């Protein structure tokens, strides 16, 4: 069961930075689902996944990998569907402080920045999560008043949106993307010449 104190604290911190808890289905594919002990918060700029896990190597590795795969797929789909990038944050919540042997593995996991920013938290003292939650990059931002979503959704220029689509293609490579950009620029330049002449 997800820790009620942690859930309420995360919800409070998340609201401060414009994230709301997602209550819907988290399955995004037959083989791609979040672990049962995960919660998701999202906003117009980011996705936060928090999952309870055990610091033992097998459970920690399996749950961490499942969450990273899920978050990577969500971020990739949103990038293609909405034509912009989103920040991804993964927080693994341990039931108690890790021992010295576990801390090395945890540090390596946190330092791996592929797909998303990663944090490991645990309660201190009398089941107090505040200090560790405050260390989560996005959640620990100072409060400046109420958070309101922007009035408009900024869209990337067409060329930038097209680059994201090309770059996300299964056969993408940076050389091909640059070649496609050059072709697009040449086509636009020719259209400009045709309009002027």
Foldseek 3Di string as FASTA:
>chain_A
DADPVVVVVVQVLQQLLAWHKDDDALDPDPPAGAPPQWTWIDGLAAIEIEGEFELDDPGVVVNLVSVLVSLLVVQLVCCLVQVDGHAYEYEYEYAADDDPVSVVVQVVSQPPCPRHHYFYFYADDPRHGVVRQLPRVSSVDDGDDGDDDDPDDDHDPPLSSVLSVQCSDPPHDPVVSVVVSVVVVVVVVVVVVVVVD
